[in-house]
């Protein structure tokens, strides 16, 4: 796997990956209407460009054939001395290959370089990824319900790992 820092020219790739990954990752957790709403709201050209301008760093993963297979985004000092992983998604066929761990190790390296004390993230309370994050050393630190509009909420755990 090759991890490449993304820029605004890569936004269409992030959008395309999201449209392939989200229905599988969240299809049994969220309604199709909520999935469509969230993709339209959070994964459009303008929203992603604004995130990059605000300091969210994106990396794409390319397989040995140069095919885009996943992405991660993170923000240094999202909270004082804490890095937040905002997005970490891989195509279903690449789950279990170590790519998620590779993304985590990249973020951890960047967090350490920037003298951070912890990494945290939000994960849907019903997402199987909770087990993956637990294996990486994350623990649940709180529950969080976020109103995202249109009558929808994100019902999450905040998980954190000290570094």
Protein backbone atom coordinates (compact mmCIF):
# COMPACT_ATOMS: atom_id res chain seq x y z
CA UNK A 1 0.00 0.00 0.00
CA UNK A 2 1.12 3.49 -0.79
CA UNK A 3 -0.17 6.41 1.31
CA UNK A 4 -0.25 9.73 -0.50
CA UNK A 5 -1.14 13.11 0.96
CA UNK A 6 -4.24 14.40 -0.79
CA UNK A 7 -5.04 17.91 -1.90
CA UNK A 8 -8.10 19.64 -3.33
CA UNK A 9 -7.52 18.01 -6.73
CA UNK A 10 -8.17 14.65 -5.02
CA UNK A 11 -11.60 15.61 -3.66
CA UNK A 12 -13.45 13.70 -6.43
CA UNK A 13 -11.56 10.55 -5.38
CA UNK A 14 -12.62 11.00 -1.74
CA UNK A 15 -16.25 11.48 -2.84
CA UNK A 16 -16.15 8.40 -5.07
CA UNK A 17 -14.62 6.24 -2.32
CA UNK A 18 -17.25 7.46 0.15
CA UNK A 19 -20.06 6.48 -2.21
CA UNK A 20 -18.61 2.96 -2.44
CA UNK A 21 -17.74 2.52 1.26
CA UNK A 22 -20.58 4.14 3.19
CA UNK A 23 -23.47 1.95 1.95
CA UNK A 24 -21.55 -1.13 3.10
CA UNK A 25 -20.23 0.39 6.34
CA UNK A 26 -23.51 1.97 7.42
CA UNK A 27 -26.19 0.16 5.38
CA UNK A 28 -27.42 -1.83 8.38
CA UNK A 29 -27.09 1.07 10.83
CA UNK A 30 -28.59 4.05 9.00
CA UNK A 31 -31.51 4.46 6.62
CA UNK A 32 -30.74 5.02 2.95
CA UNK A 33 -32.26 8.49 3.30
CA UNK A 34 -29.87 9.38 6.14
CA UNK A 35 -26.91 7.91 4.25
CA UNK A 36 -27.75 9.97 1.17
CA UNK A 37 -28.27 13.09 3.28
CA UNK A 38 -24.94 12.70 5.07
CA UNK A 39 -22.96 12.00 1.89
CA UNK A 40 -24.57 15.00 0.18
CA UNK A 41 -23.95 17.25 3.20
CA UNK A 42 -20.44 16.19 4.27
CA UNK A 43 -18.86 14.76 1.12
CA UNK A 44 -19.42 17.39 -1.51
CA UNK A 45 -16.71 19.43 -3.20
CA UNK A 46 -17.36 22.59 -1.16
CA UNK A 47 -17.52 20.87 2.25
CA UNK A 48 -14.34 18.86 1.67
CA UNK A 49 -12.47 21.90 0.32
CA UNK A 50 -13.44 23.87 3.44
CA UNK A 51 -12.21 21.06 5.70
CA UNK A 52 -8.84 21.02 3.93
CA UNK A 53 -8.59 24.79 4.25
CA UNK A 54 -9.38 24.54 7.98
CA UNK A 55 -6.48 22.15 8.58
CA UNK A 56 -7.92 18.69 8.03
CA UNK A 57 -5.17 16.59 6.46
CA UNK A 58 -6.22 13.84 4.05
CA UNK A 59 -4.22 10.83 2.87
CA UNK A 60 -5.29 8.39 0.18
CA UNK A 61 -4.26 4.74 0.07
CA UNK A 62 -3.36 3.25 -3.28
CA UNK A 63 -2.90 -0.47 -3.81
CA UNK A 64 0.03 -1.93 -5.76
CA UNK A 65 -1.86 -1.31 -9.02
CA UNK A 66 -2.38 2.37 -8.21
CA UNK A 67 -6.10 1.94 -7.40
CA UNK A 68 -7.51 4.20 -4.68
CA UNK A 69 -8.72 1.93 -1.87
CA UNK A 70 -9.28 4.20 1.14
CA UNK A 71 -8.65 7.48 2.90
CA UNK A 72 -8.03 9.00 6.29
CA UNK A 73 -8.34 12.57 7.52
CA UNK A 74 -7.11 14.00 10.77
CA UNK A 75 -6.66 17.33 12.53
CA UNK A 76 -3.74 18.20 14.79
CA UNK A 77 -4.82 20.12 17.93
CA UNK A 78 -8.52 19.54 17.27
CA UNK A 79 -8.56 19.86 21.04
CA UNK A 80 -5.47 21.11 22.91
CA UNK A 81 -2.69 18.52 22.52
CA UNK A 82 -5.11 16.05 20.90
CA UNK A 83 -5.37 14.91 17.30
CA UNK A 84 -8.76 13.90 15.96
CA UNK A 85 -9.23 11.27 13.29
CA UNK A 86 -12.22 12.64 11.41
CA UNK A 87 -12.46 10.00 8.72
CA UNK A 88 -10.93 6.57 8.24
CA UNK A 89 -12.50 4.49 5.49
CA UNK A 90 -11.31 1.58 3.37
CA UNK A 91 -13.06 -0.32 0.61
CA UNK A 92 -14.77 -3.46 1.96
CA UNK A 93 -12.46 -5.75 -0.03
CA UNK A 94 -9.41 -4.22 1.70
CA UNK A 95 -10.71 -4.65 5.25
CA UNK A 96 -8.52 -7.03 7.21
CA UNK A 97 -5.41 -6.26 5.13
CA UNK A 98 -3.81 -3.96 7.70
CA UNK A 99 -4.70 -0.75 5.86
CA UNK A 100 -6.71 0.66 8.77
CA UNK A 101 -3.78 0.03 11.11
CA UNK A 102 -1.44 1.64 8.56
CA UNK A 103 -3.66 4.74 8.52
CA UNK A 104 -3.69 4.81 12.33
CA UNK A 105 0.11 4.49 12.49
CA UNK A 106 0.45 7.40 10.02
CA UNK A 107 -1.81 9.61 12.14
CA UNK A 108 0.02 8.53 15.31
CA UNK A 109 3.38 9.44 13.74
CA UNK A 110 2.07 12.89 12.70
CA UNK A 111 0.54 13.42 16.16
CA UNK A 112 3.82 12.55 17.89
CA UNK A 113 5.73 14.88 15.54
CA UNK A 114 3.35 17.63 16.65
CA UNK A 115 3.76 16.85 20.37
CA UNK A 116 0.21 15.61 20.86
CA UNK A 117 -0.79 13.59 23.95
CA UNK A 118 -3.70 11.61 22.49
CA UNK A 119 -5.69 10.67 19.41
CA UNK A 120 -9.48 10.56 19.50
CA UNK A 121 -12.37 9.89 17.15
CA UNK A 122 -16.12 9.48 16.98
CA UNK A 123 -17.62 6.13 16.01
CA UNK A 124 -21.26 5.19 15.61
CA UNK A 125 -22.37 3.15 18.63
CA UNK A 126 -23.47 0.29 16.34
CA UNK A 127 -20.43 0.29 14.03
CA UNK A 128 -18.36 -2.91 14.02
CA UNK A 129 -15.25 -0.70 13.76
CA UNK A 130 -15.45 -0.28 17.55
CA UNK A 131 -13.67 -3.66 17.84
CA UNK A 132 -10.91 -2.47 15.49
CA UNK A 133 -10.36 0.71 17.50
CA UNK A 134 -10.32 -1.24 20.76
CA UNK A 135 -7.56 -3.48 19.35
CA UNK A 136 -5.56 -0.32 18.60
CA UNK A 137 -5.83 0.70 22.26
CA UNK A 138 -8.72 3.15 22.05
CA UNK A 139 -11.17 3.27 24.94
CA UNK A 140 -14.63 4.81 25.12
CA UNK A 141 -14.46 8.14 26.94
CA UNK A 142 -18.01 9.44 26.42
CA UNK A 143 -21.26 9.19 24.50
CA UNK A 144 -22.14 11.96 22.08
CA UNK A 145 -25.32 12.65 20.15
CA UNK A 146 -24.83 15.22 17.38
CA UNK A 147 -27.76 16.85 15.58
CA UNK A 148 -26.80 16.97 11.89
CA UNK A 149 -30.04 18.49 10.64
CA UNK A 150 -33.02 17.21 8.69
CA UNK A 151 -34.18 15.28 11.76
CA UNK A 152 -31.03 13.12 11.85
CA UNK A 153 -28.46 12.61 14.58
CA UNK A 154 -25.13 10.87 14.87
CA UNK A 155 -25.25 8.60 17.94
CA UNK A 156 -21.57 8.05 18.71
CA UNK A 157 -18.98 7.02 21.19
CA UNK A 158 -15.92 9.20 21.51
CA UNK A 159 -12.91 6.91 21.77
CA UNK A 160 -9.39 7.95 22.69
CA UNK A 161 -5.90 6.52 22.96
CA UNK A 162 -2.93 8.13 24.72
CA UNK A 163 0.29 8.35 22.71
